Amino acid sequence: MVLNKADMVSDAAESVTEPGERLSVETELQQRVQQLEKENRILHKKLARSEANCLQLEETTRKKESLLRQVIHELKTSQTNLEQQSRELEQALSNLKSTQTQLIQTEKMSSLGQLVAGVAHEINNPVNFIYGNLSHVQEYTQSLMHLIQLYQHAYPQPTPDLVTASEQLDLAFVQEDLPKILGSMKIGVDRIREIILSLRNFSRLDEAEFKSVDIHAGIESTLLILQHRLKAQPKRPAIQVVKNYGNLPLVECYPGQLNQVFMNILANAIDALEELSLNHSYETLQAQPAQIHITTSVIDADRVQIAIADNGAGIPEDLCSSIFNLFFTTKPVGKGTGIGMSISHQIITEKHSGTLTCASNLGEGTEFLIQIPIHQTSDEAA
């Protein structure tokens, strides 16, 4: 129950009987009531100010929290953007290094192709001269041998000088051996012509247009260039090449670039087989010969597949996914650059819209599968 000022003064006055005392009490009570009212008003004002300050503080806190959340969001967004930019810069740097390396390699191969083509052309001219005249030499030799035989029949008793000259010359041996020598020369010249043709086919690295070519001819050219590495060596027998060629149509491709892929894969296969041979005796290698299997076929009616497999030591499965990364190599330092397979993958996937995959099992060998379209579309050719 709340009492007002009059009630408080009246109640207090009634408790005092003397008139003087009553007046004094009333005056004092009024003063105290006024003081209390003043203090009450002050408290109300302070309370109002406190409530206003609290509201203002809450509003300020909300604004600061909102601003803090916005700043945190902006910082996270900025961090995400920086991380994305960092990844993009790293990727761009990697692509730049890859492009630079590939350009250098392409320039080297282009220069090599021009050099090989030039050398092949220079060798081809005198070889053609020998080849063209060799048939005449064989014909003339046969005629001369026949003429000698006729003389021997017509003059069975030659003069002593002729007998001495014939014995010194060993005419019988010459008559038997000369055709063999000319035949071996013909085989040698044919071999040189084949090598020149293979060099000219392999060196077609500067051709900027798709051409319809015989895939098998490109493989054969590459094998011929690598023949010196396939031959028997003092510490190992010859590496056997098993060919399972399918009936392939002409395939639209960049012939020189495709030959470069064949070269890289076959050279890697030879490296793997040579490394394996270091741990086995000559007799063991004869019983279990090193082999490279080359299989070609048409798949899905519009693509060709070239499978090149060796029976070397193989590589771990987890490394197969990295085999086409730039600068990745399983070879010892100084023996591998990690460039060849990366460029081969780019040639097949980017230049020919195909696929190049690797499958390997430790102790069983490695197989590379190449698949490219038989016909390139205009978009692919661009």
Protein backbone atom coordinates (compact mmCIF):
# COMPACT_ATOMS: atom_id res chain seq x y z
CA MET A 1 0.00 0.00 0.00
CA VAL A 2 1.39 3.38 -1.02
CA LEU A 3 0.68 6.50 1.12
CA ASN A 4 0.63 9.99 -0.32
CA LYS A 5 2.17 13.03 1.26
CA ALA A 6 -0.99 14.25 3.12
CA ASP A 7 -1.67 10.83 4.61
CA MET A 8 1.89 10.47 5.87
CA VAL A 9 1.86 13.92 7.48
CA SER A 10 -1.60 13.39 8.98
CA ASP A 11 -0.72 10.03 10.47
CA ALA A 12 2.44 11.38 11.98
CA ALA A 13 0.69 14.45 13.37
CA GLU A 14 -2.04 12.44 15.03
CA SER A 15 0.54 10.48 16.98
CA VAL A 16 1.68 13.76 18.67
CA THR A 17 -0.67 15.36 21.23
CA GLU A 18 1.03 18.72 21.91
CA PRO A 19 0.26 21.44 19.33
CA GLY A 20 3.86 22.71 19.16
CA GLU A 21 5.36 19.34 18.83
CA ARG A 22 2.76 18.41 16.25
CA LEU A 23 3.63 21.43 14.08
CA SER A 24 7.32 20.66 14.33
CA VAL A 25 6.78 17.03 13.41
CA GLU A 26 4.60 17.95 10.45
CA THR A 27 7.24 20.37 9.16
CA GLU A 28 10.00 17.81 9.52
CA LEU A 29 7.91 15.13 7.87
CA GLN A 30 7.07 17.37 4.95
CA GLN A 31 10.75 18.14 4.47
CA ARG A 32 11.61 14.44 4.54
CA VAL A 33 8.82 13.61 2.14
CA GLN A 34 10.02 16.32 -0.24
CA GLN A 35 13.54 14.97 0.05
CA LEU A 36 12.31 11.47 -0.71
CA GLU A 37 10.31 12.69 -3.66
CA LYS A 38 13.36 14.54 -4.96
CA GLU A 39 15.50 11.43 -4.57
CA ASN A 40 12.77 9.39 -6.20
CA ARG A 41 12.66 11.74 -9.18
CA ILE A 42 16.45 11.55 -9.44
CA LEU A 43 16.29 7.76 -9.32
CA HIS A 44 13.63 7.73 -12.03
CA LYS A 45 15.77 9.95 -14.21
CA LYS A 46 18.83 7.77 -13.60
CA LEU A 47 16.78 4.69 -14.33
CA ALA A 48 15.48 6.24 -17.55
CA ARG A 49 19.00 7.24 -18.56
CA SER A 50 20.26 3.76 -17.68
CA GLU A 51 17.54 2.11 -19.76
CA ALA A 52 18.33 4.45 -22.64
CA ASN A 53 22.03 3.69 -22.27
CA CYS A 54 21.25 -0.03 -22.22
CA LEU A 55 19.17 0.26 -25.38
CA GLN A 56 21.88 2.34 -27.01
CA LEU A 57 24.52 -0.17 -25.88
CA GLU A 58 22.47 -3.07 -27.25
CA GLU A 59 22.05 -1.26 -30.56
CA THR A 60 25.75 -0.46 -30.68
CA THR A 61 26.56 -4.08 -29.83
CA ARG A 62 24.26 -5.33 -32.57
CA LYS A 63 25.86 -2.96 -35.06
CA LYS A 64 29.35 -4.03 -33.98
CA GLU A 65 28.39 -7.71 -34.15
CA SER A 66 26.89 -7.17 -37.59
CA LEU A 67 30.00 -5.30 -38.69
CA LEU A 68 32.20 -8.02 -37.20
CA ARG A 69 30.25 -10.74 -39.01
CA GLN A 70 30.55 -8.76 -42.24
CA VAL A 71 34.29 -8.30 -41.73
CA ILE A 72 34.72 -12.02 -40.96
CA HIS A 73 32.70 -12.91 -44.07
CA GLU A 74 34.75 -10.52 -46.19
CA LEU A 75 37.98 -11.93 -44.73
CA LYS A 76 36.86 -15.49 -45.48
CA THR A 77 35.82 -14.47 -48.99
CA SER A 78 39.12 -12.67 -49.47
CA GLN A 79 41.02 -15.70 -48.15
CA THR A 80 39.08 -18.00 -50.47
CA ASN A 81 39.78 -15.69 -53.41
CA LEU A 82 43.46 -15.52 -52.51
CA GLU A 83 43.66 -19.30 -52.24
CA GLN A 84 41.89 -19.64 -55.60
CA GLN A 85 44.23 -17.08 -57.16
CA SER A 86 47.20 -18.91 -55.65
CA ARG A 87 45.99 -22.21 -57.13
CA GLU A 88 45.38 -20.54 -60.50
CA LEU A 89 48.85 -18.97 -60.43
CA GLU A 90 50.42 -22.31 -59.55
CA GLN A 91 48.46 -23.98 -62.36
CA ALA A 92 49.38 -21.19 -64.76
CA LEU A 93 53.05 -21.52 -63.77
CA SER A 94 52.87 -25.29 -64.23
CA ASN A 95 51.19 -24.86 -67.62
CA LEU A 96 53.77 -22.28 -68.60
CA LYS A 97 56.63 -24.60 -67.65
CA SER A 98 54.93 -27.46 -69.48
CA THR A 99 54.34 -25.32 -72.58
CA GLN A 100 57.89 -24.02 -72.49
CA THR A 101 59.31 -27.53 -72.16
CA GLN A 102 57.06 -28.85 -74.89
CA LEU A 103 57.98 -25.98 -77.18
CA ILE A 104 61.66 -26.66 -76.59
CA GLN A 105 61.15 -30.37 -77.18
CA THR A 106 59.06 -29.72 -80.28
CA GLU A 107 61.70 -27.34 -81.61
CA LYS A 108 64.38 -29.94 -80.95
CA MET A 109 62.35 -32.62 -82.71
CA SER A 110 61.61 -30.26 -85.58
CA SER A 111 65.31 -29.44 -85.94
CA LEU A 112 66.12 -33.14 -85.69
CA GLY A 113 63.50 -33.90 -88.32
CA GLN A 114 64.95 -31.32 -90.69
CA LEU A 115 68.47 -32.62 -90.05
CA VAL A 116 67.43 -36.24 -90.60
CA ALA A 117 65.47 -35.33 -93.73
CA GLY A 118 68.45 -33.41 -95.08
CA VAL A 119 70.90 -36.22 -94.34
CA ALA A 120 68.52 -38.79 -95.81
CA HIS A 121 68.18 -36.69 -98.95
CA GLU A 122 71.94 -36.29 -99.33
CA ILE A 123 72.53 -40.01 -98.82
CA ASN A 124 69.65 -40.95 -101.06
CA ASN A 125 71.15 -39.32 -104.18
CA PRO A 126 74.38 -41.37 -104.36
CA VAL A 127 72.55 -44.49 -103.17
CA ASN A 128 70.07 -44.13 -106.01
CA PHE A 129 73.01 -43.75 -108.41
CA ILE A 130 74.56 -46.98 -107.08
CA TYR A 131 71.22 -48.76 -107.02
CA GLY A 132 70.42 -47.73 -110.59
CA ASN A 133 73.80 -48.87 -111.92
CA LEU A 134 74.05 -52.04 -109.86
CA SER A 135 71.54 -53.88 -112.02
CA HIS A 136 73.61 -52.99 -115.10
CA VAL A 137 76.79 -54.22 -113.37
CA GLN A 138 75.08 -57.52 -112.58
CA GLU A 139 73.92 -57.83 -116.19
CA TYR A 140 77.35 -56.98 -117.59
CA THR A 141 79.03 -59.39 -115.17
CA GLN A 142 76.76 -62.23 -116.21
CA SER A 143 77.51 -61.46 -119.87
CA LEU A 144 81.26 -61.44 -119.23
CA MET A 145 81.08 -64.70 -117.27
CA HIS A 146 79.14 -66.28 -120.13
CA LEU A 147 81.69 -64.99 -122.62
CA ILE A 148 84.56 -66.48 -120.57
CA GLN A 149 82.75 -69.80 -120.51
CA LEU A 150 82.37 -69.67 -124.30
CA TYR A 151 86.10 -68.94 -124.68
CA GLN A 152 86.95 -71.83 -122.39
CA HIS A 153 84.83 -74.18 -124.48
CA ALA A 154 86.20 -72.83 -127.77
CA TYR A 155 89.83 -72.91 -126.58
CA PRO A 156 90.17 -75.79 -124.13
CA GLN A 157 93.99 -75.58 -124.47
CA PRO A 158 94.91 -71.97 -123.62
CA THR A 159 98.45 -70.64 -123.88
CA PRO A 160 100.79 -70.92 -120.86
CA ASP A 161 100.43 -67.19 -120.17
CA LEU A 162 96.63 -67.49 -119.98
CA VAL A 163 96.92 -70.54 -117.69
CA THR A 164 99.27 -68.66 -115.36
CA ALA A 165 97.02 -65.57 -115.28
CA SER A 166 93.96 -67.72 -114.67
CA GLU A 167 95.64 -69.49 -111.77
CA GLN A 168 96.83 -66.24 -110.24
CA LEU A 169 93.35 -64.78 -110.58
CA ASP A 170 91.73 -67.98 -109.32
CA LEU A 171 89.23 -67.61 -112.11
CA ALA A 172 86.99 -70.45 -110.94
CA PHE A 173 86.59 -68.83 -107.53
CA VAL A 174 85.92 -65.40 -109.07
CA GLN A 175 83.28 -66.86 -111.37
CA GLU A 176 81.55 -68.38 -108.36
CA ASP A 177 82.02 -65.53 -105.86
CA LEU A 178 81.47 -62.41 -107.97
CA PRO A 179 77.70 -62.96 -108.44
CA LYS A 180 77.39 -63.53 -104.68
CA ILE A 181 79.25 -60.27 -103.96
CA LEU A 182 77.02 -58.36 -106.36
CA GLY A 183 73.96 -60.00 -104.79
CA SER A 184 75.08 -58.97 -101.29
CA MET A 185 75.75 -55.45 -102.57
CA LYS A 186 72.20 -55.38 -103.95
CA ILE A 187 70.86 -56.49 -100.55
CA GLY A 188 72.96 -53.82 -98.81
CA VAL A 189 71.78 -51.05 -101.12
CA ASP A 190 68.17 -52.17 -100.65
CA ARG A 191 68.73 -52.01 -96.89
CA ILE A 192 70.14 -48.50 -97.15
CA ARG A 193 67.16 -47.44 -99.24
CA GLU A 194 64.81 -48.87 -96.59
CA ILE A 195 66.63 -46.99 -93.84
CA ILE A 196 66.50 -43.74 -95.82
CA LEU A 197 62.80 -44.23 -96.45
CA SER A 198 62.23 -44.90 -92.75
CA LEU A 199 64.21 -41.81 -91.79
CA ARG A 200 62.22 -39.68 -94.22
CA ASN A 201 58.93 -41.10 -92.93
CA PHE A 202 59.92 -40.67 -89.30
CA SER A 203 61.18 -37.12 -89.80
CA ARG A 204 57.81 -35.81 -90.96
CA LEU A 205 57.61 -33.65 -87.83
CA ASP A 206 56.96 -30.31 -89.48
CA GLU A 207 53.76 -31.29 -91.25
CA ALA A 208 50.99 -29.01 -90.02
CA GLU A 209 48.05 -30.85 -91.57
CA PHE A 210 46.31 -34.14 -90.95
CA LYS A 211 47.17 -36.82 -93.48
CA SER A 212 45.76 -40.28 -94.09
CA VAL A 213 48.63 -42.66 -93.44
CA ASP A 214 49.43 -46.31 -92.81
CA ILE A 215 49.93 -46.68 -89.06
CA HIS A 216 51.93 -49.86 -89.56
CA ALA A 217 54.41 -48.03 -91.81
CA GLY A 218 55.04 -45.53 -89.00
CA ILE A 219 55.61 -48.34 -86.50
CA GLU A 220 57.96 -50.13 -88.88
CA SER A 221 59.93 -46.93 -89.48
CA THR A 222 60.34 -46.44 -85.75
CA LEU A 223 61.40 -50.05 -85.21
CA LEU A 224 63.97 -49.74 -87.97
CA ILE A 225 65.50 -46.67 -86.32
CA LEU A 226 65.61 -48.56 -82.99
CA GLN A 227 66.99 -51.73 -84.59
CA HIS A 228 70.47 -51.17 -83.16
CA ARG A 229 68.99 -51.29 -79.65
CA LEU A 230 66.93 -54.39 -80.37
CA LYS A 231 69.89 -56.42 -81.63
CA ALA A 232 71.75 -58.88 -79.43
CA GLN A 233 74.33 -57.38 -77.10
CA PRO A 234 77.30 -59.04 -75.37
CA LYS A 235 75.32 -59.45 -72.15
CA ARG A 236 71.87 -60.20 -73.54
CA PRO A 237 70.14 -61.83 -76.51
CA ALA A 238 68.18 -59.80 -79.04
CA ILE A 239 64.88 -58.28 -77.89
CA GLN A 240 62.07 -59.98 -79.78
CA VAL A 241 59.33 -57.87 -81.36
CA VAL A 242 56.07 -59.77 -81.78
CA LYS A 243 53.70 -58.07 -84.21
CA ASN A 244 49.97 -58.74 -84.23
CA TYR A 245 48.84 -56.30 -86.87
CA GLY A 246 45.13 -56.01 -87.61
CA ASN A 247 43.55 -54.91 -90.86
CA LEU A 248 43.69 -51.16 -90.36
CA PRO A 249 42.42 -48.51 -92.77
CA LEU A 250 44.38 -45.35 -93.45
CA VAL A 251 44.20 -43.12 -90.38
CA GLU A 252 44.04 -39.31 -90.37
CA CYS A 253 46.80 -37.99 -88.11
CA TYR A 254 49.96 -35.94 -87.82
CA PRO A 255 52.35 -38.69 -89.00
CA GLY A 256 55.54 -37.25 -87.52
CA GLN A 257 53.98 -36.60 -84.13
CA LEU A 258 52.48 -40.08 -84.00
CA ASN A 259 55.88 -41.56 -84.87
CA GLN A 260 57.29 -39.55 -81.98
CA VAL A 261 54.80 -41.24 -79.63
CA PHE A 262 55.78 -44.68 -80.97
CA MET A 263 59.45 -43.79 -80.47
CA ASN A 264 58.93 -42.69 -76.84
CA ILE A 265 56.90 -45.77 -75.86
CA LEU A 266 59.15 -48.28 -77.66
CA ALA A 267 62.32 -46.66 -76.29
CA ASN A 268 60.88 -46.86 -72.77
CA ALA A 269 60.04 -50.55 -73.33
CA ILE A 270 63.61 -51.24 -74.47
CA ASP A 271 64.96 -49.36 -71.42
CA ALA A 272 62.81 -51.50 -69.11
CA LEU A 273 63.93 -54.75 -70.76
CA GLU A 274 67.60 -53.75 -70.71
CA GLU A 275 67.33 -52.86 -67.02
CA LEU A 276 65.71 -56.24 -66.30
CA SER A 277 68.46 -58.07 -68.21
CA LEU A 278 71.09 -56.72 -65.80
CA ASN A 279 69.75 -59.05 -63.09
CA HIS A 280 69.69 -62.24 -65.19
CA SER A 281 72.24 -64.45 -66.88
CA TYR A 282 72.51 -64.79 -70.65
CA GLU A 283 71.17 -68.35 -70.42
CA THR A 284 68.14 -67.25 -68.40
CA LEU A 285 67.36 -64.53 -70.91
CA GLN A 286 67.61 -67.04 -73.74
CA ALA A 287 65.13 -69.31 -71.98
CA GLN A 288 62.83 -66.38 -71.14
CA PRO A 289 63.45 -63.87 -73.94
CA ALA A 290 62.68 -60.19 -73.61
CA GLN A 291 59.73 -59.34 -75.82
CA ILE A 292 57.75 -56.36 -77.05
CA HIS A 293 54.26 -57.13 -78.33
CA ILE A 294 52.65 -54.67 -80.75
CA THR A 295 48.96 -55.25 -81.44
CA THR A 296 46.76 -53.11 -83.66
CA SER A 297 43.01 -53.32 -84.20
CA VAL A 298 39.87 -51.38 -85.11
CA ILE A 299 37.45 -50.74 -82.24
CA ASP A 300 33.91 -49.37 -82.33
CA ALA A 301 34.24 -49.10 -86.14
CA ASP A 302 35.60 -45.55 -85.93
CA ARG A 303 38.77 -45.80 -83.84
CA VAL A 304 42.05 -47.64 -84.04
CA GLN A 305 43.93 -49.06 -81.08
CA ILE A 306 47.67 -49.62 -80.84
CA ALA A 307 48.81 -51.69 -77.85
CA ILE A 308 52.54 -51.80 -77.03
CA ALA A 309 53.44 -54.18 -74.20
CA ASP A 310 56.73 -55.42 -72.76
CA ASN A 311 57.49 -58.26 -70.35
CA GLY A 312 59.84 -56.19 -68.21
CA ALA A 313 59.77 -55.65 -64.47
CA GLY A 314 56.69 -53.40 -64.56
CA ILE A 315 56.02 -50.37 -62.39
CA PRO A 316 53.91 -49.99 -59.22
CA GLU A 317 50.22 -49.40 -59.87
CA ASP A 318 50.17 -46.12 -57.94
CA LEU A 319 52.80 -44.70 -60.30
CA CYS A 320 50.78 -45.43 -63.45
CA SER A 321 48.56 -42.41 -62.76
CA SER A 322 51.66 -40.17 -62.63
CA ILE A 323 53.50 -41.59 -65.63
CA PHE A 324 52.18 -38.82 -67.92
CA ASN A 325 52.97 -35.94 -65.54
CA LEU A 326 55.61 -33.54 -66.78
CA PHE A 327 59.10 -34.30 -65.38
CA PHE A 328 57.91 -37.53 -63.74
CA THR A 329 60.23 -40.45 -64.39
CA THR A 330 60.94 -43.86 -62.87
CA LYS A 331 64.46 -43.92 -64.31
CA PRO A 332 67.62 -43.09 -62.35
CA VAL A 333 68.89 -39.52 -62.30
CA GLY A 334 70.55 -38.66 -65.59
CA LYS A 335 68.75 -41.36 -67.59
CA GLY A 336 65.28 -39.89 -67.83
CA THR A 337 63.88 -36.37 -68.23
CA GLY A 338 60.19 -37.10 -67.61
CA ILE A 339 59.28 -35.21 -70.79
CA GLY A 340 58.69 -37.89 -73.43
CA MET A 341 55.58 -39.52 -71.99
CA SER A 342 54.05 -36.16 -71.06
CA ILE A 343 54.44 -34.91 -74.63
CA SER A 344 53.18 -38.24 -75.98
CA HIS A 345 50.03 -37.91 -73.87
CA GLN A 346 49.49 -34.37 -75.11
CA ILE A 347 49.98 -35.43 -78.75
CA ILE A 348 47.40 -38.22 -78.46
CA THR A 349 44.79 -36.42 -76.32
CA GLU A 350 45.05 -32.82 -77.55
CA LYS A 351 46.29 -33.19 -81.12
CA HIS A 352 44.38 -36.35 -82.07
CA SER A 353 41.37 -36.37 -79.68
CA GLY A 354 42.40 -39.81 -78.49
CA THR A 355 43.43 -41.55 -75.29
CA LEU A 356 46.74 -42.86 -74.00
CA THR A 357 46.65 -45.11 -70.94
CA CYS A 358 49.14 -47.19 -69.01
CA ALA A 359 48.59 -50.52 -67.25
CA SER A 360 51.33 -52.32 -65.37
CA ASN A 361 51.87 -55.17 -62.93
CA LEU A 362 55.08 -55.66 -61.01
CA GLY A 363 56.97 -58.63 -62.36
CA GLU A 364 54.75 -58.92 -65.46
CA GLY A 365 55.48 -55.86 -67.57
CA THR A 366 53.81 -52.68 -68.80
CA GLU A 367 51.32 -51.99 -71.57
CA PHE A 368 50.46 -48.70 -73.23
CA LEU A 369 47.15 -48.38 -75.08
CA ILE A 370 46.72 -45.72 -77.77
CA GLN A 371 43.28 -45.03 -79.22
CA ILE A 372 42.64 -42.38 -81.88
CA PRO A 373 39.78 -41.70 -84.31
CA ILE A 374 40.15 -42.99 -87.86
CA HIS A 375 38.78 -39.70 -89.19
CA GLN A 376 39.36 -36.36 -87.50
CA THR A 377 36.50 -33.85 -87.41
CA SER A 378 36.97 -30.25 -88.49
CA ASP A 379 36.93 -29.12 -84.84
CA GLU A 380 39.61 -31.64 -83.94
CA ALA A 381 41.69 -30.67 -86.92
CA ALA A 382 41.53 -27.04 -85.88
